[in-house]
C-alpha cells in the first residue's frame, strides 16, 4: 500500500513539474515577444526622429517636441502626417515653423468655428 502511495505521489509531482515547466516556457516566450516588440518600436521611433531632423527646421522640431511633452499621441500623428506629406511630395524639406503651424491648425479641432446657440 505504501508503494502505490509513493508511486502516486511521484506521478503527481512529475505532473506538477511538467505544468510548471510549461508555465515558465509560456512566460519566457511572452517576455521574448514583448522585448522584440519594444525593440521594433524603438527602431521605428529612432527612424522617425532622424527623419524629423531632415524634414523640419530646428524651430519646427522644437515646437513638435513641446507638443510631444503635452500630448505624445498627437505628436506621433503629426509626425506621421509630415512623413506622409513628404512621401506625397506636398512640401519641400525642411518644413519651417510657419508651415508646421499651418499644418497644426488644419489638423486641430477648430474651436473658433463652433457656435453656441441659446434657446
PDB file of N, CA and C in Angstrom:
ATOM      1  N   UNK A   1       0.824  -1.183   0.000  1.00  0.00           N
ATOM      2  CA  UNK A   1       0.000   0.000   0.000  1.00  0.00           C
ATOM      3  C   UNK A   1       0.874   1.255   0.000  1.00  0.00           C
ATOM      4  N   UNK A   2       1.947   1.195   0.703  1.00  0.00           N
ATOM      5  CA  UNK A   2       2.857   2.321   0.777  1.00  0.00           C
ATOM      6  C   UNK A   2       3.544   2.562  -0.556  1.00  0.00           C
ATOM      7  N   UNK A   3       3.834   1.505  -1.274  1.00  0.00           N
ATOM      8  CA  UNK A   3       4.497   1.626  -2.571  1.00  0.00           C
ATOM      9  C   UNK A   3       3.572   2.296  -3.581  1.00  0.00           C
ATOM     10  N   UNK A   4       2.281   1.983  -3.581  1.00  0.00           N
ATOM     11  CA  UNK A   4       1.358   2.605  -4.526  1.00  0.00           C
ATOM     12  C   UNK A   4       1.150   4.082  -4.181  1.00  0.00           C
ATOM     13  N   UNK A   5       1.131   4.419  -2.899  1.00  0.00           N
ATOM     14  CA  UNK A   5       1.027   5.830  -2.490  1.00  0.00           C
ATOM     15  C   UNK A   5       2.256   6.596  -2.929  1.00  0.00           C
ATOM     16  N   UNK A   6       3.420   5.988  -2.780  1.00  0.00           N
ATOM     17  CA  UNK A   6       4.655   6.635  -3.218  1.00  0.00           C
ATOM     18  C   UNK A   6       4.657   6.822  -4.728  1.00  0.00           C
ATOM     19  N   UNK A   7       4.152   5.824  -5.450  1.00  0.00           N
ATOM     20  CA  UNK A   7       4.076   5.935  -6.918  1.00  0.00           C
ATOM     21  C   UNK A   7       3.125   7.045  -7.331  1.00  0.00           C
ATOM     22  N   UNK A   8       1.975   7.115  -6.665  1.00  0.00           N
ATOM     23  CA  UNK A   8       1.003   8.167  -6.970  1.00  0.00           C
ATOM     24  C   UNK A   8       1.579   9.549  -6.662  1.00  0.00           C
ATOM     25  N   UNK A   9       2.275   9.640  -5.544  1.00  0.00           N
ATOM     26  CA  UNK A   9       2.887  10.899  -5.147  1.00  0.00           C
ATOM     27  C   UNK A   9       3.963  11.317  -6.157  1.00  0.00           C
ATOM     28  N   UNK A  10       4.761  10.376  -6.588  1.00  0.00           N
ATOM     29  CA  UNK A  10       5.800  10.667  -7.579  1.00  0.00           C
ATOM     30  C   UNK A  10       5.164  11.091  -8.902  1.00  0.00           C
ATOM     31  N   UNK A  11       4.072  10.423  -9.283  1.00  0.00           N
ATOM     32  CA  UNK A  11       3.375  10.766 -10.523  1.00  0.00           C
ATOM     33  C   UNK A  11       2.787  12.181 -10.430  1.00  0.00           C
ATOM     34  N   UNK A  12       2.191  12.516  -9.310  1.00  0.00           N
ATOM     35  CA  UNK A  12       1.636  13.852  -9.116  1.00  0.00           C
ATOM     36  C   UNK A  12       2.730  14.911  -9.138  1.00  0.00           C
ATOM     37  N   UNK A  13       3.864  14.602  -8.536  1.00  0.00           N
ATOM     38  CA  UNK A  13       4.990  15.539  -8.556  1.00  0.00           C
ATOM     39  C   UNK A  13       5.483  15.772  -9.978  1.00  0.00           C
ATOM     40  N   UNK A  14       5.573  14.697 -10.736  1.00  0.00           N
ATOM     41  CA  UNK A  14       6.020  14.819 -12.131  1.00  0.00           C
ATOM     42  C   UNK A  14       5.038  15.642 -12.959  1.00  0.00           C
ATOM     43  N   UNK A  15       3.747  15.418 -12.743  1.00  0.00           N
ATOM     44  CA  UNK A  15       2.740  16.177 -13.458  1.00  0.00           C
ATOM     45  C   UNK A  15       2.839  17.663 -13.108  1.00  0.00           C
ATOM     46  N   UNK A  16       2.979  17.952 -11.846  1.00  0.00           N
ATOM     47  CA  UNK A  16       3.086  19.347 -11.409  1.00  0.00           C
ATOM     48  C   UNK A  16       4.365  19.984 -11.957  1.00  0.00           C
ATOM     49  N   UNK A  17       5.443  19.207 -11.961  1.00  0.00           N
ATOM     50  CA  UNK A  17       6.706  19.699 -12.510  1.00  0.00           C
ATOM     51  C   UNK A  17       6.560  20.037 -13.994  1.00  0.00           C
ATOM     52  N   UNK A  18       5.883  19.187 -14.746  1.00  0.00           N
ATOM     53  CA  UNK A  18       5.646  19.447 -16.168  1.00  0.00           C
ATOM     54  C   UNK A  18       4.774  20.678 -16.373  1.00  0.00           C
ATOM     55  N   UNK A  19       3.749  20.827 -15.534  1.00  0.00           N
ATOM     56  CA  UNK A  19       2.882  22.005 -15.632  1.00  0.00           C
ATOM     57  C   UNK A  19       3.665  23.283 -15.373  1.00  0.00           C
ATOM     58  N   UNK A  20       4.510  23.263 -14.356  1.00  0.00           N
ATOM     59  CA  UNK A  20       5.323  24.431 -14.037  1.00  0.00           C
ATOM     60  C   UNK A  20       6.300  24.752 -15.160  1.00  0.00           C
ATOM     61  N   UNK A  21       6.893  23.726 -15.757  1.00  0.00           N
ATOM     62  CA  UNK A  21       7.808  23.944 -16.874  1.00  0.00           C
ATOM     63  C   UNK A  21       7.076  24.589 -18.050  1.00  0.00           C
ATOM     64  N   UNK A  22       5.863  24.131 -18.325  1.00  0.00           N
ATOM     65  CA  UNK A  22       5.079  24.710 -19.418  1.00  0.00           C
ATOM     66  C   UNK A  22       4.743  26.175 -19.123  1.00  0.00           C
ATOM     67  N   UNK A  23       4.395  26.477 -17.876  1.00  0.00           N
ATOM     68  CA  UNK A  23       4.089  27.852 -17.499  1.00  0.00           C
ATOM     69  C   UNK A  23       5.312  28.742 -17.648  1.00  0.00           C
ATOM     70  N   UNK A  24       6.460  28.238 -17.221  1.00  0.00           N
ATOM     71  CA  UNK A  24       7.696  29.020 -17.329  1.00  0.00           C
ATOM     72  C   UNK A  24       8.050  29.253 -18.786  1.00  0.00           C
ATOM     73  N   UNK A  25       7.900  28.245 -19.623  1.00  0.00           N
ATOM     74  CA  UNK A  25       8.186  28.396 -21.052  1.00  0.00           C
ATOM     75  C   UNK A  25       7.240  29.405 -21.693  1.00  0.00           C
ATOM     76  N   UNK A  26       5.968  29.365 -21.310  1.00  0.00           N
ATOM     77  CA  UNK A  26       4.993  30.307 -21.868  1.00  0.00           C
ATOM     78  C   UNK A  26       5.335  31.736 -21.438  1.00  0.00           C
ATOM     79  N   UNK A  27       5.700  31.922 -20.177  1.00  0.00           N
ATOM     80  CA  UNK A  27       6.072  33.252 -19.701  1.00  0.00           C
ATOM     81  C   UNK A  27       7.333  33.742 -20.402  1.00  0.00           C
ATOM     82  N   UNK A  28       8.280  32.843 -20.616  1.00  0.00           N
ATOM     83  CA  UNK A  28       9.525  33.232 -21.287  1.00  0.00           C
ATOM     84  C   UNK A  28       9.256  33.644 -22.728  1.00  0.00           C
ATOM     85  N   UNK A  29       8.393  32.911 -23.411  1.00  0.00           N
ATOM     86  CA  UNK A  29       8.095  33.273 -24.804  1.00  0.00           C
ATOM     87  C   UNK A  29       7.345  34.604 -24.881  1.00  0.00           C
ATOM     88  N   UNK A  30       6.447  34.857 -23.931  1.00  0.00           N
ATOM     89  CA  UNK A  30       5.745  36.142 -23.899  1.00  0.00           C
ATOM     90  C   UNK A  30       6.718  37.274 -23.644  1.00  0.00           C
ATOM     91  N   UNK A  31       7.683  37.045 -22.753  1.00  0.00           N
ATOM     92  CA  UNK A  31       8.668  38.073 -22.444  1.00  0.00           C
ATOM     93  C   UNK A  31       9.543  38.353 -23.656  1.00  0.00           C
ATOM     94  N   UNK A  32       9.938  37.310 -24.373  1.00  0.00           N
ATOM     95  CA  UNK A  32      10.753  37.492 -25.573  1.00  0.00           C
ATOM     96  C   UNK A  32       9.970  38.274 -26.630  1.00  0.00           C
ATOM     97  N   UNK A  33       8.700  37.954 -26.799  1.00  0.00           N
ATOM     98  CA  UNK A  33       7.854  38.671 -27.756  1.00  0.00           C
ATOM     99  C   UNK A  33       7.714  40.140 -27.365  1.00  0.00           C
ATOM    100  N   UNK A  34       7.533  40.401 -26.084  1.00  0.00           N
ATOM    101  CA  UNK A  34       7.401  41.784 -25.611  1.00  0.00           C
ATOM    102  C   UNK A  34       8.694  42.554 -25.833  1.00  0.00           C
ATOM    103  N   UNK A  35       9.827  41.916 -25.563  1.00  0.00           N
ATOM    104  CA  UNK A  35      11.116  42.582 -25.783  1.00  0.00           C
ATOM    105  C   UNK A  35      11.335  42.854 -27.262  1.00  0.00           C
ATOM    106  N   UNK A  36      10.952  41.902 -28.109  1.00  0.00           N
ATOM    107  CA  UNK A  36      11.089  42.082 -29.546  1.00  0.00           C
ATOM    108  C   UNK A  36      10.217  43.241 -30.028  1.00  0.00           C
ATOM    109  N   UNK A  37       8.987  43.306 -29.539  1.00  0.00           N
ATOM    110  CA  UNK A  37       8.084  44.394 -29.923  1.00  0.00           C
ATOM    111  C   UNK A  37       8.633  45.735 -29.455  1.00  0.00           C
ATOM    112  N   UNK A  38       9.205  45.774 -28.256  1.00  0.00           N
ATOM    113  CA  UNK A  38       9.777  47.013 -27.731  1.00  0.00           C
ATOM    114  C   UNK A  38      10.972  47.459 -28.572  1.00  0.00           C
ATOM    115  N   UNK A  39      11.815  46.519 -28.961  1.00  0.00           N
ATOM    116  CA  UNK A  39      12.961  46.852 -29.811  1.00  0.00           C
ATOM    117  C   UNK A  39      12.502  47.382 -31.164  1.00  0.00           C
ATOM    118  N   UNK A  40      11.480  46.743 -31.711  1.00  0.00           N
ATOM    119  CA  UNK A  40      10.940  47.188 -33.004  1.00  0.00           C
ATOM    120  C   UNK A  40      10.387  48.603 -32.887  1.00  0.00           C
ATOM    121  N   UNK A  41       9.685  48.881 -31.785  1.00  0.00           N
ATOM    122  CA  UNK A  41       9.122  50.212 -31.561  1.00  0.00           C
ATOM    123  C   UNK A  41      10.228  51.248 -31.421  1.00  0.00           C
ATOM    124  N   UNK A  42      11.305  50.905 -30.715  1.00  0.00           N
ATOM    125  CA  UNK A  42      12.422  51.825 -30.550  1.00  0.00           C
ATOM    126  C   UNK A  42      13.100  52.111 -31.877  1.00  0.00           C
ATOM    127  N   UNK A  43      13.248  51.095 -32.714  1.00  0.00           N
ATOM    128  CA  UNK A  43      13.860  51.286 -34.033  1.00  0.00           C
ATOM    129  C   UNK A  43      12.994  52.202 -34.885  1.00  0.00           C
ATOM    130  N   UNK A  44      11.684  51.988 -34.852  1.00  0.00           N
ATOM    131  CA  UNK A  44      10.767  52.842 -35.616  1.00  0.00           C
ATOM    132  C   UNK A  44      10.826  54.284 -35.118  1.00  0.00           C
ATOM    133  N   UNK A  45      10.849  54.459 -33.799  1.00  0.00           N
ATOM    134  CA  UNK A  45      10.909  55.812 -33.231  1.00  0.00           C
ATOM    135  C   UNK A  45      12.209  56.508 -33.598  1.00  0.00           C
ATOM    136  N   UNK A  46      13.314  55.784 -33.580  1.00  0.00           N
ATOM    137  CA  UNK A  46      14.585  56.419 -33.940  1.00  0.00           C
ATOM    138  C   UNK A  46      14.606  56.777 -35.424  1.00  0.00           C
ATOM    139  N   UNK A  47      13.982  55.937 -36.254  1.00  0.00           N
ATOM    140  CA  UNK A  47      13.899  56.257 -37.681  1.00  0.00           C
ATOM    141  C   UNK A  47      13.041  57.503 -37.914  1.00  0.00           C
ATOM    142  N   UNK A  48      11.942  57.602 -37.194  1.00  0.00           N
ATOM    143  CA  UNK A  48      11.066  58.771 -37.319  1.00  0.00           C
ATOM    144  C   UNK A  48      11.789  60.021 -36.827  1.00  0.00           C
ATOM    145  N   UNK A  49      12.510  59.902 -35.707  1.00  0.00           N
ATOM    146  CA  UNK A  49      13.238  61.062 -35.180  1.00  0.00           C
ATOM    147  C   UNK A  49      14.322  61.533 -36.139  1.00  0.00           C
ATOM    148  N   UNK A  50      15.028  60.594 -36.760  1.00  0.00           N
ATOM    149  CA  UNK A  50      16.057  61.009 -37.718  1.00  0.00           C
ATOM    150  C   UNK A  50      15.416  61.627 -38.959  1.00  0.00           C
ATOM    151  N   UNK A  51      14.247  61.140 -39.347  1.00  0.00           N
ATOM    152  CA  UNK A  51      13.537  61.742 -40.472  1.00  0.00           C
ATOM    153  C   UNK A  51      13.093  63.163 -40.135  1.00  0.00           C
ATOM    154  N   UNK A  52      12.652  63.375 -38.893  1.00  0.00           N
ATOM    155  CA  UNK A  52      12.219  64.712 -38.484  1.00  0.00           C
ATOM    156  C   UNK A  52      13.393  65.698 -38.520  1.00  0.00           C
ATOM    157  N   UNK A  53      14.594  65.222 -38.217  1.00  0.00           N
ATOM    158  CA  UNK A  53      15.769  66.094 -38.269  1.00  0.00           C
ATOM    159  C   UNK A  53      16.025  66.577 -39.694  1.00  0.00           C
ATOM    160  N   UNK A  54      15.691  65.741 -40.664  1.00  0.00           N
ATOM    161  CA  UNK A  54      15.899  66.114 -42.061  1.00  0.00           C
ATOM    162  C   UNK A  54      14.729  66.918 -42.619  1.00  0.00           C
ATOM    163  N   UNK A  55      13.533  66.653 -42.098  1.00  0.00           N
ATOM    164  CA  UNK A  55      12.331  67.243 -42.683  1.00  0.00           C
ATOM    165  C   UNK A  55      11.892  68.545 -42.031  1.00  0.00           C
ATOM    166  N   UNK A  56      12.392  68.849 -40.823  1.00  0.00           N
ATOM    167  CA  UNK A  56      11.941  70.034 -40.104  1.00  0.00           C
ATOM    168  C   UNK A  56      13.112  70.956 -39.769  1.00  0.00           C
ATOM    169  N   UNK A  57      12.813  72.244 -39.703  1.00  0.00           N
ATOM    170  CA  UNK A  57      13.813  73.204 -39.237  1.00  0.00           C
ATOM    171  C   UNK A  57      13.940  73.057 -37.717  1.00  0.00           C
ATOM    172  N   UNK A  58      15.002  73.592 -37.124  1.00  0.00           N
ATOM    173  CA  UNK A  58      15.151  73.486 -35.664  1.00  0.00           C
ATOM    174  C   UNK A  58      13.970  74.095 -34.892  1.00  0.00           C
ATOM    175  N   UNK A  59      13.432  75.210 -35.367  1.00  0.00           N
ATOM    176  CA  UNK A  59      12.280  75.819 -34.685  1.00  0.00           C
ATOM    177  C   UNK A  59      11.068  74.891 -34.741  1.00  0.00           C
ATOM    178  N   UNK A  60      10.842  74.291 -35.883  1.00  0.00           N
ATOM    179  CA  UNK A  60       9.696  73.383 -36.034  1.00  0.00           C
ATOM    180  C   UNK A  60       9.888  72.139 -35.167  1.00  0.00           C
ATOM    181  N   UNK A  61      11.117  71.622 -35.103  1.00  0.00           N
ATOM    182  CA  UNK A  61      11.390  70.467 -34.242  1.00  0.00           C
ATOM    183  C   UNK A  61      11.161  70.819 -32.783  1.00  0.00           C
ATOM    184  N   UNK A  62      11.538  72.035 -32.404  1.00  0.00           N
ATOM    185  CA  UNK A  62      11.320  72.481 -31.029  1.00  0.00           C
ATOM    186  C   UNK A  62       9.824  72.543 -30.712  1.00  0.00           C
ATOM    187  N   UNK A  63       9.044  73.072 -31.643  1.00  0.00           N
ATOM    188  CA  UNK A  63       7.592  73.145 -31.448  1.00  0.00           C
ATOM    189  C   UNK A  63       6.999  71.737 -31.332  1.00  0.00           C
ATOM    190  N   UNK A  64       7.461  70.837 -32.176  1.00  0.00           N
ATOM    191  CA  UNK A  64       6.959  69.468 -32.142  1.00  0.00           C
ATOM    192  C   UNK A  64       7.364  68.766 -30.841  1.00  0.00           C
ATOM    193  N   UNK A  65       8.554  69.059 -30.332  1.00  0.00           N
ATOM    194  CA  UNK A  65       8.986  68.479 -29.058  1.00  0.00           C
ATOM    195  C   UNK A  65       8.111  68.980 -27.915  1.00  0.00           C
ATOM    196  N   UNK A  66       7.735  70.242 -27.967  1.00  0.00           N
ATOM    197  CA  UNK A  66       6.852  70.798 -26.943  1.00  0.00           C
ATOM    198  C   UNK A  66       5.490  70.112 -26.988  1.00  0.00           C
ATOM    199  N   UNK A  67       4.987  69.902 -28.191  1.00  0.00           N
ATOM    200  CA  UNK A  67       3.707  69.204 -28.343  1.00  0.00           C
ATOM    201  C   UNK A  67       3.825  67.785 -27.815  1.00  0.00           C
ATOM    202  N   UNK A  68       4.967  67.158 -28.085  1.00  0.00           N
ATOM    203  CA  UNK A  68       5.193  65.788 -27.642  1.00  0.00           C
ATOM    204  C   UNK A  68       5.170  65.669 -26.127  1.00  0.00           C
ATOM    205  N   UNK A  69       5.659  66.684 -25.441  1.00  0.00           N
ATOM    206  CA  UNK A  69       5.624  66.658 -23.978  1.00  0.00           C
ATOM    207  C   UNK A  69       4.194  66.731 -23.456  1.00  0.00           C
ATOM    208  N   UNK A  70       3.368  67.510 -24.133  1.00  0.00           N
ATOM    209  CA  UNK A  70       1.989  67.682 -23.679  1.00  0.00           C
ATOM    210  C   UNK A  70       1.110  66.503 -24.095  1.00  0.00           C
ATOM    211  N   UNK A  71       1.165  66.146 -25.372  1.00  0.00           N
ATOM    212  CA  UNK A  71       0.335  65.057 -25.894  1.00  0.00           C
ATOM    213  C   UNK A  71       1.150  64.212 -26.865  1.00  0.00           C
ATOM    214  N   UNK A  72       1.786  63.153 -26.369  1.00  0.00           N
ATOM    215  CA  UNK A  72       2.618  62.314 -27.233  1.00  0.00           C
ATOM    216  C   UNK A  72       1.854  61.683 -28.401  1.00  0.00           C
ATOM    217  N   UNK A  73       0.579  61.340 -28.185  1.00  0.00           N
ATOM    218  CA  UNK A  73      -0.204  60.726 -29.257  1.00  0.00           C
ATOM    219  C   UNK A  73      -0.369  61.694 -30.426  1.00  0.00           C
ATOM    220  N   UNK A  74      -0.670  62.938 -30.084  1.00  0.00           N
ATOM    221  CA  UNK A  74      -0.862  63.947 -31.130  1.00  0.00           C
ATOM    222  C   UNK A  74       0.447  64.211 -31.859  1.00  0.00           C
ATOM    223  N   UNK A  75       1.536  64.217 -31.123  1.00  0.00           N
ATOM    224  CA  UNK A  75       2.845  64.411 -31.732  1.00  0.00           C
ATOM    225  C   UNK A  75       3.149  63.299 -32.736  1.00  0.00           C
ATOM    226  N   UNK A  76       2.821  62.071 -32.355  1.00  0.00           N
ATOM    227  CA  UNK A  76       3.049  60.946 -33.270  1.00  0.00           C
ATOM    228  C   UNK A  76       2.185  61.068 -34.512  1.00  0.00           C
ATOM    229  N   UNK A  77       0.943  61.512 -34.350  1.00  0.00           N
ATOM    230  CA  UNK A  77       0.067  61.714 -35.508  1.00  0.00           C
ATOM    231  C   UNK A  77       0.628  62.785 -36.431  1.00  0.00           C
ATOM    232  N   UNK A  78       1.149  63.850 -35.850  1.00  0.00           N
ATOM    233  CA  UNK A  78       1.706  64.938 -36.647  1.00  0.00           C
ATOM    234  C   UNK A  78       2.941  64.449 -37.397  1.00  0.00           C
ATOM    235  N   UNK A  79       3.787  63.691 -36.716  1.00  0.00           N
ATOM    236  CA  UNK A  79       4.984  63.151 -37.367  1.00  0.00           C
ATOM    237  C   UNK A  79       4.605  62.259 -38.544  1.00  0.00           C
ATOM    238  N   UNK A  80       3.595  61.422 -38.343  1.00  0.00           N
ATOM    239  CA  UNK A  80       3.147  60.553 -39.436  1.00  0.00           C
ATOM    240  C   UNK A  80       2.603  61.389 -40.594  1.00  0.00           C
ATOM    241  N   UNK A  81       1.897  62.453 -40.274  1.00  0.00           N
ATOM    242  CA  UNK A  81       1.367  63.339 -41.314  1.00  0.00           C
ATOM    243  C   UNK A  81       2.502  63.996 -42.100  1.00  0.00           C
ATOM    244  N   UNK A  82       3.535  64.432 -41.389  1.00  0.00           N
ATOM    245  CA  UNK A  82       4.668  65.075 -42.055  1.00  0.00           C
ATOM    246  C   UNK A  82       5.366  64.084 -42.978  1.00  0.00           C
ATOM    247  N   UNK A  83       5.561  62.856 -42.499  1.00  0.00           N
ATOM    248  CA  UNK A  83       6.196  61.830 -43.338  1.00  0.00           C
ATOM    249  C   UNK A  83       5.330  61.539 -44.553  1.00  0.00           C
ATOM    250  N   UNK A  84       4.022  61.439 -44.339  1.00  0.00           N
ATOM    251  CA  UNK A  84       3.112  61.178 -45.461  1.00  0.00           C
ATOM    252  C   UNK A  84       3.159  62.332 -46.465  1.00  0.00           C
ATOM    253  N   UNK A  85       3.171  63.565 -45.962  1.00  0.00           N
ATOM    254  CA  UNK A  85       3.241  64.725 -46.856  1.00  0.00           C
ATOM    255  C   UNK A  85       4.545  64.713 -47.650  1.00  0.00           C
ATOM    256  N   UNK A  86       5.636  64.329 -46.999  1.00  0.00           N
ATOM    257  CA  UNK A  86       6.929  64.272 -47.690  1.00  0.00           C
ATOM    258  C   UNK A  86       6.908  63.193 -48.767  1.00  0.00           C
ATOM    259  N   UNK A  87       6.342  62.038 -48.447  1.00  0.00           N
ATOM    260  CA  UNK A  87       6.284  60.948 -49.420  1.00  0.00           C
ATOM    261  C   UNK A  87       5.407  61.297 -50.611  1.00  0.00           C
ATOM    262  N   UNK A  88       4.372  62.089 -50.368  1.00  0.00           N
ATOM    263  CA  UNK A  88       3.496  62.505 -51.466  1.00  0.00           C
ATOM    264  C   UNK A  88       3.973  63.801 -52.110  1.00  0.00           C
ATOM    265  N   UNK A  89       5.149  64.271 -51.677  1.00  0.00           N
ATOM    266  CA  UNK A  89       5.790  65.478 -52.226  1.00  0.00           C
ATOM    267  C   UNK A  89       4.903  66.715 -52.092  1.00  0.00           C
ATOM    268  N   UNK A  90       4.257  66.849 -50.943  1.00  0.00           N
ATOM    269  CA  UNK A  90       3.395  68.007 -50.677  1.00  0.00           C
ATOM    270  C   UNK A  90       4.180  69.236 -50.229  1.00  0.00           C
ATOM    271  N   UNK A  91       5.425  69.040 -49.818  1.00  0.00           N
ATOM    272  CA  UNK A  91       6.248  70.175 -49.416  1.00  0.00           C
ATOM    273  C   UNK A  91       7.717  69.855 -49.694  1.00  0.00           C
ATOM    274  N   UNK A  92       8.502  70.927 -49.758  1.00  0.00           N
ATOM    275  CA  UNK A  92       9.938  70.757 -49.933  1.00  0.00           C
ATOM    276  C   UNK A  92      10.614  70.887 -48.576  1.00  0.00           C
ATOM    277  N   UNK A  93      11.365  69.874 -48.152  1.00  0.00           N
ATOM    278  CA  UNK A  93      12.009  69.956 -46.846  1.00  0.00           C
ATOM    279  C   UNK A  93      13.116  70.996 -46.848  1.00  0.00           C
ATOM    280  N   UNK A  94      13.454  71.563 -45.736  1.00  0.00           N
ATOM    281  CA  UNK A  94      12.848  71.359 -44.424  1.00  0.00           C
ATOM    282  C   UNK A  94      11.597  72.211 -44.238  1.00  0.00           C
ATOM    283  N   UNK A  95      10.656  71.650 -43.490  1.00  0.00           N
ATOM    284  CA  UNK A  95       9.411  72.363 -43.194  1.00  0.00           C
ATOM    285  C   UNK A  95       9.703  73.423 -42.143  1.00  0.00           C
ATOM    286  N   UNK A  96       9.286  74.641 -42.419  1.00  0.00           N
ATOM    287  CA  UNK A  96       9.528  75.741 -41.476  1.00  0.00           C
ATOM    288  C   UNK A  96       8.510  75.699 -40.340  1.00  0.00           C
ATOM    289  N   UNK A  97       8.770  76.498 -39.346  1.00  0.00           N
ATOM    290  CA  UNK A  97       7.863  76.580 -38.208  1.00  0.00           C
ATOM    291  C   UNK A  97       6.497  77.101 -38.646  1.00  0.00           C
ATOM    292  N   UNK A  98       6.491  78.045 -39.572  1.00  0.00           N
ATOM    293  CA  UNK A  98       5.216  78.590 -40.069  1.00  0.00           C
ATOM    294  C   UNK A  98       4.417  77.515 -40.801  1.00  0.00           C
ATOM    295  N   UNK A  99       5.089  76.695 -41.588  1.00  0.00           N
ATOM    296  CA  UNK A  99       4.391  75.615 -42.288  1.00  0.00           C
ATOM    297  C   UNK A  99       3.837  74.606 -41.281  1.00  0.00           C
ATOM    298  N   UNK A 100       4.626  74.329 -40.241  1.00  0.00           N
ATOM    299  CA  UNK A 100       4.153  73.408 -39.207  1.00  0.00           C
ATOM    300  C   UNK A 100       2.941  73.989 -38.484  1.00  0.00           C
ATOM    301  N   UNK A 101       2.963  75.291 -38.221  1.00  0.00           N
ATOM    302  CA  UNK A 101       1.810  75.932 -37.572  1.00  0.00           C
ATOM    303  C   UNK A 101       0.560  75.772 -38.425  1.00  0.00           C
ATOM    304  N   UNK A 102       0.697  75.974 -39.730  1.00  0.00           N
ATOM    305  CA  UNK A 102      -0.480  75.836 -40.595  1.00  0.00           C
ATOM    306  C   UNK A 102      -0.960  74.384 -40.633  1.00  0.00           C
ATOM    307  N   UNK A 103      -0.028  73.431 -40.587  1.00  0.00           N
ATOM    308  CA  UNK A 103      -0.419  72.023 -40.511  1.00  0.00           C
ATOM    309  C   UNK A 103      -1.159  71.740 -39.211  1.00  0.00           C
ATOM    310  N   UNK A 104      -0.657  72.305 -38.122  1.00  0.00           N
ATOM    311  CA  UNK A 104      -1.308  72.108 -36.825  1.00  0.00           C
ATOM    312  C   UNK A 104      -2.709  72.705 -36.814  1.00  0.00           C
ATOM    313  N   UNK A 105      -2.852  73.873 -37.414  1.00  0.00           N
ATOM    314  CA  UNK A 105      -4.178  74.487 -37.479  1.00  0.00           C
ATOM    315  C   UNK A 105      -5.139  73.654 -38.310  1.00  0.00           C
ATOM    316  N   UNK A 106      -4.637  73.083 -39.396  1.00  0.00           N
ATOM    317  CA  UNK A 106      -5.520  72.284 -40.244  1.00  0.00           C
ATOM    318  C   UNK A 106      -5.922  70.979 -39.572  1.00  0.00           C
ATOM    319  N   UNK A 107      -5.084  70.466 -38.670  1.00  0.00           N
ATOM    320  CA  UNK A 107      -5.398  69.200 -38.007  1.00  0.00           C
ATOM    321  C   UNK A 107      -6.139  69.377 -36.683  1.00  0.00           C
ATOM    322  N   UNK A 108      -6.113  70.584 -36.148  1.00  0.00           N
ATOM    323  CA  UNK A 108      -6.748  70.779 -34.842  1.00  0.00           C
ATOM    324  C   UNK A 108      -8.252  70.871 -34.998  1.00  0.00           C
ATOM    325  N   UNK A 109      -8.923  70.510 -33.942  1.00  0.00           N
ATOM    326  CA  UNK A 109     -10.366  70.669 -33.919  1.00  0.00           C
ATOM    327  C   UNK A 109     -10.626  72.144 -33.675  1.00  0.00           C
ATOM    328  N   UNK A 110     -11.203  72.761 -34.632  1.00  0.00           N
ATOM    329  CA  UNK A 110     -11.374  74.205 -34.567  1.00  0.00           C
ATOM    330  C   UNK A 110     -12.407  74.584 -33.527  1.00  0.00           C
ATOM    331  N   UNK A 111     -11.982  75.385 -32.591  1.00  0.00           N
ATOM    332  CA  UNK A 111     -12.905  75.888 -31.582  1.00  0.00           C
ATOM    333  C   UNK A 111     -13.504  77.213 -32.029  1.00  0.00           C
ATOM    334  N   UNK A 112     -12.848  77.830 -32.998  1.00  0.00           N
ATOM    335  CA  UNK A 112     -13.340  79.126 -33.473  1.00  0.00           C
ATOM    336  C   UNK A 112     -14.619  78.969 -34.302  1.00  0.00           C
ATOM    337  N   UNK A 113     -14.736  77.834 -34.975  1.00  0.00           N
ATOM    338  CA  UNK A 113     -15.897  77.660 -35.839  1.00  0.00           C
ATOM    339  C   UNK A 113     -17.098  77.115 -35.086  1.00  0.00           C
ATOM    340  N   UNK A 114     -16.891  76.701 -33.861  1.00  0.00           N
ATOM    341  CA  UNK A 114     -18.008  76.178 -33.079  1.00  0.00           C
ATOM    342  C   UNK A 114     -18.914  77.333 -32.661  1.00  0.00           C
ATOM    343  N   UNK A 115     -20.162  77.114 -32.804  1.00  0.00           N
ATOM    344  CA  UNK A 115     -21.095  78.174 -32.421  1.00  0.00           C
ATOM    345  C   UNK A 115     -21.995  77.645 -31.301  1.00  0.00           C
ATOM    346  N   UNK A 116     -22.353  78.547 -30.439  1.00  0.00           N
ATOM    347  CA  UNK A 116     -23.230  78.202 -29.323  1.00  0.00           C
ATOM    348  C   UNK A 116     -24.507  79.008 -29.508  1.00  0.00           C
ATOM    349  N   UNK A 117     -25.593  78.270 -29.576  1.00  0.00           N
ATOM    350  CA  UNK A 117     -26.874  78.941 -29.719  1.00  0.00           C
ATOM    351  C   UNK A 117     -27.617  78.842 -28.406  1.00  0.00           C
ATOM    352  N   UNK A 118     -28.194  79.943 -28.017  1.00  0.00           N
ATOM    353  CA  UNK A 118     -29.007  79.972 -26.799  1.00  0.00           C
ATOM    354  C   UNK A 118     -30.455  79.762 -27.169  1.00  0.00           C
ATOM    355  N   UNK A 119     -31.098  78.993 -26.362  1.00  0.00           N
ATOM    356  CA  UNK A 119     -32.510  78.683 -26.659  1.00  0.00           C
ATOM    357  C   UNK A 119     -33.397  79.358 -25.649  1.00  0.00           C
TER     358      UNK A 119
END
